[in-house]
Amino acid sequence: MKRRAAIEPVIGHLKAEHRMGRNHLKGREGDRINAVLAAVGYNFSLLLRWLAALLWPLALMLVGDDPLRQRA
């Protein structure tokens, strides 16, 4: 039950945000393709978020302390 409780929100997110609510592909093969493409999209968004978190401090170090601060 714990594992299922952890997976249910991910499935809901996939259905809402990654077009898994309705499958536009035909047959069992279409179902498989749709699920794989939705999982790829979900993992790609996680990868982009991780990459942004990794590169943002590096960009701040290159620019200076605070790029929004007014310099006099």
PDB file of N, CA and C in Angstrom:
ATOM      1  N   MET A   1       0.824  -1.199   0.000  1.00  0.00           N
ATOM      2  CA  MET A   1       0.000   0.000   0.000  1.00  0.00           C
ATOM      3  C   MET A   1       0.863   1.255   0.000  1.00  0.00           C
ATOM      4  N   LYS A   2       2.002   1.213   0.685  1.00  0.00           N
ATOM      5  CA  LYS A   2       2.866   2.392   0.723  1.00  0.00           C
ATOM      6  C   LYS A   2       3.403   2.722  -0.667  1.00  0.00           C
ATOM      7  N   ARG A   3       3.782   1.666  -1.391  1.00  0.00           N
ATOM      8  CA  ARG A   3       4.306   1.874  -2.735  1.00  0.00           C
ATOM      9  C   ARG A   3       3.233   2.440  -3.651  1.00  0.00           C
ATOM     10  N   ARG A   4       2.024   1.927  -3.522  1.00  0.00           N
ATOM     11  CA  ARG A   4       0.924   2.410  -4.351  1.00  0.00           C
ATOM     12  C   ARG A   4       0.601   3.864  -4.015  1.00  0.00           C
ATOM     13  N   ALA A   5       0.655   4.207  -2.730  1.00  0.00           N
ATOM     14  CA  ALA A   5       0.389   5.584  -2.317  1.00  0.00           C
ATOM     15  C   ALA A   5       1.438   6.538  -2.875  1.00  0.00           C
ATOM     16  N   ALA A   6       2.646   6.058  -3.090  1.00  0.00           N
ATOM     17  CA  ALA A   6       3.706   6.899  -3.650  1.00  0.00           C
ATOM     18  C   ALA A   6       3.544   7.059  -5.160  1.00  0.00           C
ATOM     19  N   ILE A   7       2.957   6.074  -5.822  1.00  0.00           N
ATOM     20  CA  ILE A   7       2.835   6.097  -7.278  1.00  0.00           C
ATOM     21  C   ILE A   7       1.588   6.852  -7.743  1.00  0.00           C
ATOM     22  N   GLU A   8       0.520   6.815  -6.979  1.00  0.00           N
ATOM     23  CA  GLU A   8      -0.742   7.423  -7.396  1.00  0.00           C
ATOM     24  C   GLU A   8      -0.610   8.903  -7.770  1.00  0.00           C
ATOM     25  N   PRO A   9       0.087   9.739  -6.998  1.00  0.00           N
ATOM     26  CA  PRO A   9       0.221  11.145  -7.414  1.00  0.00           C
ATOM     27  C   PRO A   9       0.983  11.306  -8.732  1.00  0.00           C
ATOM     28  N   VAL A  10       1.953  10.444  -8.985  1.00  0.00           N
ATOM     29  CA  VAL A  10       2.720  10.517 -10.233  1.00  0.00           C
ATOM     30  C   VAL A  10       1.821  10.172 -11.408  1.00  0.00           C
ATOM     31  N   ILE A  11       0.985   9.156 -11.256  1.00  0.00           N
ATOM     32  CA  ILE A  11       0.061   8.781 -12.320  1.00  0.00           C
ATOM     33  C   ILE A  11      -0.932   9.910 -12.584  1.00  0.00           C
ATOM     34  N   GLY A  12      -1.442  10.522 -11.526  1.00  0.00           N
ATOM     35  CA  GLY A  12      -2.348  11.659 -11.686  1.00  0.00           C
ATOM     36  C   GLY A  12      -1.681  12.816 -12.408  1.00  0.00           C
ATOM     37  N   HIS A  13      -0.425  13.080 -12.079  1.00  0.00           N
ATOM     38  CA  HIS A  13       0.328  14.149 -12.749  1.00  0.00           C
ATOM     39  C   HIS A  13       0.534  13.824 -14.224  1.00  0.00           C
ATOM     40  N   LEU A  14       0.874  12.582 -14.515  1.00  0.00           N
ATOM     41  CA  LEU A  14       1.063  12.176 -15.914  1.00  0.00           C
ATOM     42  C   LEU A  14      -0.225  12.349 -16.706  1.00  0.00           C
ATOM     43  N   LYS A  15      -1.349  11.973 -16.111  1.00  0.00           N
ATOM     44  CA  LYS A  15      -2.626  12.093 -16.811  1.00  0.00           C
ATOM     45  C   LYS A  15      -2.977  13.554 -17.060  1.00  0.00           C
ATOM     46  N   ALA A  16      -2.683  14.409 -16.105  1.00  0.00           N
ATOM     47  CA  ALA A  16      -3.062  15.810 -16.227  1.00  0.00           C
ATOM     48  C   ALA A  16      -2.101  16.610 -17.095  1.00  0.00           C
ATOM     49  N   GLU A  17      -0.808  16.408 -16.917  1.00  0.00           N
ATOM     50  CA  GLU A  17       0.179  17.268 -17.550  1.00  0.00           C
ATOM     51  C   GLU A  17       0.858  16.673 -18.777  1.00  0.00           C
ATOM     52  N   HIS A  18       0.803  15.380 -18.965  1.00  0.00           N
ATOM     53  CA  HIS A  18       1.543  14.754 -20.047  1.00  0.00           C
ATOM     54  C   HIS A  18       0.651  13.965 -20.997  1.00  0.00           C
ATOM     55  N   ARG A  19      -0.578  14.391 -21.120  1.00  0.00           N
ATOM     56  CA  ARG A  19      -1.527  13.856 -22.100  1.00  0.00           C
ATOM     57  C   ARG A  19      -1.759  12.352 -21.989  1.00  0.00           C
ATOM     58  N   MET A  20      -1.835  11.857 -20.767  1.00  0.00           N
ATOM     59  CA  MET A  20      -2.167  10.445 -20.612  1.00  0.00           C
ATOM     60  C   MET A  20      -3.632  10.257 -20.270  1.00  0.00           C
ATOM     61  N   GLY A  21      -4.372  11.336 -20.145  1.00  0.00           N
ATOM     62  CA  GLY A  21      -5.793  11.218 -19.851  1.00  0.00           C
ATOM     63  C   GLY A  21      -6.544  10.522 -20.968  1.00  0.00           C
ATOM     64  N   ARG A  22      -6.184  10.829 -22.199  1.00  0.00           N
ATOM     65  CA  ARG A  22      -6.809  10.198 -23.362  1.00  0.00           C
ATOM     66  C   ARG A  22      -5.715   9.762 -24.324  1.00  0.00           C
ATOM     67  N   ASN A  23      -5.836   8.552 -24.766  1.00  0.00           N
ATOM     68  CA  ASN A  23      -4.854   7.990 -25.683  1.00  0.00           C
ATOM     69  C   ASN A  23      -5.369   8.146 -27.110  1.00  0.00           C
ATOM     70  N   HIS A  24      -4.589   8.810 -27.957  1.00  0.00           N
ATOM     71  CA  HIS A  24      -4.989   9.033 -29.341  1.00  0.00           C
ATOM     72  C   HIS A  24      -4.362   8.022 -30.297  1.00  0.00           C
ATOM     73  N   LEU A  25      -3.602   7.081 -29.752  1.00  0.00           N
ATOM     74  CA  LEU A  25      -2.966   6.061 -30.583  1.00  0.00           C
ATOM     75  C   LEU A  25      -3.797   4.790 -30.551  1.00  0.00           C
ATOM     76  N   LYS A  26      -3.715   3.994 -31.599  1.00  0.00           N
ATOM     77  CA  LYS A  26      -4.609   2.858 -31.768  1.00  0.00           C
ATOM     78  C   LYS A  26      -4.013   1.564 -31.231  1.00  0.00           C
ATOM     79  N   GLY A  27      -4.826   0.802 -30.526  1.00  0.00           N
ATOM     80  CA  GLY A  27      -4.483  -0.554 -30.118  1.00  0.00           C
ATOM     81  C   GLY A  27      -3.552  -0.658 -28.918  1.00  0.00           C
ATOM     82  N   ARG A  28      -3.152  -1.891 -28.644  1.00  0.00           N
ATOM     83  CA  ARG A  28      -2.265  -2.157 -27.516  1.00  0.00           C
ATOM     84  C   ARG A  28      -0.901  -1.512 -27.707  1.00  0.00           C
ATOM     85  N   GLU A  29      -0.413  -1.565 -28.941  1.00  0.00           N
ATOM     86  CA  GLU A  29       0.888  -0.944 -29.226  1.00  0.00           C
ATOM     87  C   GLU A  29       0.814   0.569 -28.996  1.00  0.00           C
ATOM     88  N   GLY A  30      -0.299   1.171 -29.361  1.00  0.00           N
ATOM     89  CA  GLY A  30      -0.498   2.598 -29.116  1.00  0.00           C
ATOM     90  C   GLY A  30      -0.511   2.920 -27.639  1.00  0.00           C
ATOM     91  N   ASP A  31      -1.128   2.028 -26.837  1.00  0.00           N
ATOM     92  CA  ASP A  31      -1.132   2.212 -25.382  1.00  0.00           C
ATOM     93  C   ASP A  31       0.296   2.196 -24.838  1.00  0.00           C
ATOM     94  N   ARG A  32       1.079   1.260 -25.318  1.00  0.00           N
ATOM     95  CA  ARG A  32       2.472   1.150 -24.859  1.00  0.00           C
ATOM     96  C   ARG A  32       3.279   2.383 -25.263  1.00  0.00           C
ATOM     97  N   ILE A  33       3.120   2.793 -26.507  1.00  0.00           N
ATOM     98  CA  ILE A  33       3.858   3.962 -26.988  1.00  0.00           C
ATOM     99  C   ILE A  33       3.469   5.203 -26.191  1.00  0.00           C
ATOM    100  N   ASN A  34       2.187   5.369 -25.930  1.00  0.00           N
ATOM    101  CA  ASN A  34       1.703   6.525 -25.180  1.00  0.00           C
ATOM    102  C   ASN A  34       2.300   6.549 -23.776  1.00  0.00           C
ATOM    103  N   ALA A  35       2.334   5.401 -23.121  1.00  0.00           N
ATOM    104  CA  ALA A  35       2.885   5.344 -21.761  1.00  0.00           C
ATOM    105  C   ALA A  35       4.385   5.645 -21.761  1.00  0.00           C
ATOM    106  N   VAL A  36       5.110   5.109 -22.720  1.00  0.00           N
ATOM    107  CA  VAL A  36       6.555   5.350 -22.786  1.00  0.00           C
ATOM    108  C   VAL A  36       6.832   6.821 -23.076  1.00  0.00           C
ATOM    109  N   LEU A  37       6.115   7.413 -24.007  1.00  0.00           N
ATOM    110  CA  LEU A  37       6.340   8.822 -24.322  1.00  0.00           C
ATOM    111  C   LEU A  37       5.986   9.733 -23.154  1.00  0.00           C
ATOM    112  N   ALA A  38       4.940   9.402 -22.414  1.00  0.00           N
ATOM    113  CA  ALA A  38       4.581  10.189 -21.247  1.00  0.00           C
ATOM    114  C   ALA A  38       5.665  10.080 -20.171  1.00  0.00           C
ATOM    115  N   ALA A  39       6.204   8.876 -19.979  1.00  0.00           N
ATOM    116  CA  ALA A  39       7.266   8.689 -18.996  1.00  0.00           C
ATOM    117  C   ALA A  39       8.533   9.439 -19.415  1.00  0.00           C
ATOM    118  N   VAL A  40       8.835   9.438 -20.707  1.00  0.00           N
ATOM    119  CA  VAL A  40      10.001  10.173 -21.204  1.00  0.00           C
ATOM    120  C   VAL A  40       9.817  11.668 -20.952  1.00  0.00           C
ATOM    121  N   GLY A  41       8.647  12.182 -21.237  1.00  0.00           N
ATOM    122  CA  GLY A  41       8.372  13.600 -20.994  1.00  0.00           C
ATOM    123  C   GLY A  41       8.484  13.958 -19.529  1.00  0.00           C
ATOM    124  N   TYR A  42       7.968  13.101 -18.667  1.00  0.00           N
ATOM    125  CA  TYR A  42       8.045  13.337 -17.220  1.00  0.00           C
ATOM    126  C   TYR A  42       9.491  13.319 -16.758  1.00  0.00           C
ATOM    127  N   ASN A  43      10.268  12.336 -17.188  1.00  0.00           N
ATOM    128  CA  ASN A  43      11.673  12.254 -16.788  1.00  0.00           C
ATOM    129  C   ASN A  43      12.486  13.403 -17.365  1.00  0.00           C
ATOM    130  N   PHE A  44      12.153  13.854 -18.567  1.00  0.00           N
ATOM    131  CA  PHE A  44      12.860  14.981 -19.165  1.00  0.00           C
ATOM    132  C   PHE A  44      12.614  16.256 -18.368  1.00  0.00           C
ATOM    133  N   SER A  45      11.378  16.451 -17.895  1.00  0.00           N
ATOM    134  CA  SER A  45      11.098  17.635 -17.080  1.00  0.00           C
ATOM    135  C   SER A  45      11.851  17.574 -15.759  1.00  0.00           C
ATOM    136  N   LEU A  46      11.974  16.379 -15.173  1.00  0.00           N
ATOM    137  CA  LEU A  46      12.775  16.242 -13.952  1.00  0.00           C
ATOM    138  C   LEU A  46      14.243  16.535 -14.232  1.00  0.00           C
ATOM    139  N   LEU A  47      14.743  16.077 -15.362  1.00  0.00           N
ATOM    140  CA  LEU A  47      16.131  16.325 -15.739  1.00  0.00           C
ATOM    141  C   LEU A  47      16.387  17.815 -15.947  1.00  0.00           C
ATOM    142  N   LEU A  48      15.471  18.515 -16.600  1.00  0.00           N
ATOM    143  CA  LEU A  48      15.628  19.948 -16.801  1.00  0.00           C
ATOM    144  C   LEU A  48      15.624  20.702 -15.478  1.00  0.00           C
ATOM    145  N   ARG A  49      14.762  20.307 -14.556  1.00  0.00           N
ATOM    146  CA  ARG A  49      14.716  20.945 -13.237  1.00  0.00           C
ATOM    147  C   ARG A  49      16.019  20.722 -12.483  1.00  0.00           C
ATOM    148  N   TRP A  50      16.559  19.508 -12.557  1.00  0.00           N
ATOM    149  CA  TRP A  50      17.818  19.191 -11.895  1.00  0.00           C
ATOM    150  C   TRP A  50      18.960  19.990 -12.515  1.00  0.00           C
ATOM    151  N   LEU A  51      18.978  20.090 -13.830  1.00  0.00           N
ATOM    152  CA  LEU A  51      20.035  20.815 -14.521  1.00  0.00           C
ATOM    153  C   LEU A  51      19.982  22.308 -14.195  1.00  0.00           C
ATOM    154  N   ALA A  52      18.791  22.875 -14.120  1.00  0.00           N
ATOM    155  CA  ALA A  52      18.651  24.279 -13.754  1.00  0.00           C
ATOM    156  C   ALA A  52      19.151  24.519 -12.332  1.00  0.00           C
ATOM    157  N   ALA A  53      18.836  23.618 -11.407  1.00  0.00           N
ATOM    158  CA  ALA A  53      19.307  23.760 -10.031  1.00  0.00           C
ATOM    159  C   ALA A  53      20.818  23.629  -9.950  1.00  0.00           C
ATOM    160  N   LEU A  54      21.396  22.845 -10.825  1.00  0.00           N
ATOM    161  CA  LEU A  54      22.839  22.658 -10.834  1.00  0.00           C
ATOM    162  C   LEU A  54      23.553  23.869 -11.438  1.00  0.00           C
ATOM    163  N   LEU A  55      23.017  24.415 -12.514  1.00  0.00           N
ATOM    164  CA  LEU A  55      23.690  25.486 -13.236  1.00  0.00           C
ATOM    165  C   LEU A  55      23.413  26.885 -12.685  1.00  0.00           C
ATOM    166  N   TRP A  56      22.295  27.070 -11.972  1.00  0.00           N
ATOM    167  CA  TRP A  56      21.954  28.396 -11.470  1.00  0.00           C
ATOM    168  C   TRP A  56      23.027  28.940 -10.514  1.00  0.00           C
ATOM    169  N   PRO A  57      23.505  28.184  -9.516  1.00  0.00           N
ATOM    170  CA  PRO A  57      24.578  28.716  -8.663  1.00  0.00           C
ATOM    171  C   PRO A  57      25.856  29.021  -9.438  1.00  0.00           C
ATOM    172  N   LEU A  58      26.160  28.215 -10.439  1.00  0.00           N
ATOM    173  CA  LEU A  58      27.335  28.467 -11.258  1.00  0.00           C
ATOM    174  C   LEU A  58      27.186  29.783 -12.028  1.00  0.00           C
ATOM    175  N   ALA A  59      26.027  30.034 -12.574  1.00  0.00           N
ATOM    176  CA  ALA A  59      25.777  31.290 -13.291  1.00  0.00           C
ATOM    177  C   ALA A  59      25.888  32.480 -12.354  1.00  0.00           C
ATOM    178  N   LEU A  60      25.373  32.343 -11.127  1.00  0.00           N
ATOM    179  CA  LEU A  60      25.472  33.427 -10.158  1.00  0.00           C
ATOM    180  C   LEU A  60      26.920  33.706  -9.775  1.00  0.00           C
ATOM    181  N   MET A  61      27.726  32.656  -9.667  1.00  0.00           N
ATOM    182  CA  MET A  61      29.138  32.858  -9.351  1.00  0.00           C
ATOM    183  C   MET A  61      29.855  33.573 -10.484  1.00  0.00           C
ATOM    184  N   LEU A  62      29.512  33.268 -11.728  1.00  0.00           N
ATOM    185  CA  LEU A  62      30.164  33.905 -12.867  1.00  0.00           C
ATOM    186  C   LEU A  62      29.778  35.372 -13.001  1.00  0.00           C
ATOM    187  N   VAL A  63      28.534  35.701 -12.708  1.00  0.00           N
ATOM    188  CA  VAL A  63      28.043  37.062 -12.861  1.00  0.00           C
ATOM    189  C   VAL A  63      28.443  37.918 -11.668  1.00  0.00           C
ATOM    190  N   GLY A  64      28.472  37.365 -10.512  1.00  0.00           N
ATOM    191  CA  GLY A  64      28.752  38.110  -9.290  1.00  0.00           C
ATOM    192  C   GLY A  64      27.821  37.646  -8.196  1.00  0.00           C
ATOM    193  N   ASP A  65      27.787  38.401  -7.113  1.00  0.00           N
ATOM    194  CA  ASP A  65      26.972  38.006  -5.962  1.00  0.00           C
ATOM    195  C   ASP A  65      25.491  37.992  -6.291  1.00  0.00           C
ATOM    196  N   ASP A  66      24.969  39.126  -6.784  1.00  0.00           N
ATOM    197  CA  ASP A  66      23.544  39.236  -7.032  1.00  0.00           C
ATOM    198  C   ASP A  66      23.332  40.021  -8.328  1.00  0.00           C
ATOM    199  N   PRO A  67      22.914  39.382  -9.391  1.00  0.00           N
ATOM    200  CA  PRO A  67      22.766  40.084 -10.667  1.00  0.00           C
ATOM    201  C   PRO A  67      21.643  41.121 -10.653  1.00  0.00           C
ATOM    202  N   LEU A  68      20.716  41.030  -9.700  1.00  0.00           N
ATOM    203  CA  LEU A  68      19.611  41.985  -9.631  1.00  0.00           C
ATOM    204  C   LEU A  68      19.965  43.229  -8.826  1.00  0.00           C
ATOM    205  N   ARG A  69      21.089  43.189  -8.138  1.00  0.00           N
ATOM    206  CA  ARG A  69      21.486  44.299  -7.277  1.00  0.00           C
ATOM    207  C   ARG A  69      21.980  45.458  -8.149  1.00  0.00           C
ATOM    208  N   GLN A  70      21.584  46.663  -7.770  1.00  0.00           N
ATOM    209  CA  GLN A  70      22.042  47.869  -8.475  1.00  0.00           C
ATOM    210  C   GLN A  70      23.476  48.174  -8.076  1.00  0.00           C
ATOM    211  N   ARG A  71      24.313  48.376  -9.043  1.00  0.00           N
ATOM    212  CA  ARG A  71      25.698  48.739  -8.763  1.00  0.00           C
ATOM    213  C   ARG A  71      25.852  50.243  -8.900  1.00  0.00           C
ATOM    214  N   ALA A  72      26.531  50.819  -7.948  1.00  0.00           N
ATOM    215  CA  ALA A  72      26.695  52.285  -7.952  1.00  0.00           C
ATOM    216  C   ALA A  72      28.077  52.685  -8.408  1.00  0.00           C
TER     217      ALA A  72
END
